[in-house]
């Protein structure tokens, strides 16, 4: 089984904030990631990275017997072509916004 995780994290390595949401399809995850990105201010876009990665059961941290899988408790994620990545979207300088 595979799920898609929308990851929103600070670009500041000292912050360490990371938020995740889980989706059954790449399309739904990409739509959510793009919507999150489009709602950020210019300043927020410079300080955040939003992207989608795939996660399989093998990526997840071990769970105790009888516990449900937590798709946001992953050890690693998988790059998959066609997933949203805000680093591929140029963020214009604020001065350019006035022109």
Foldseek 3Di string as FASTA:
>chain_A
DKKKKKWKDWPDPVPGDIDIDIGRDLVVSQVVQVVVLVPDDLVVLVTMKIWMFMDDPVQADDDDPPDDGDRVRGNDTHDDPPIDISVVPDRDDPVVVVD
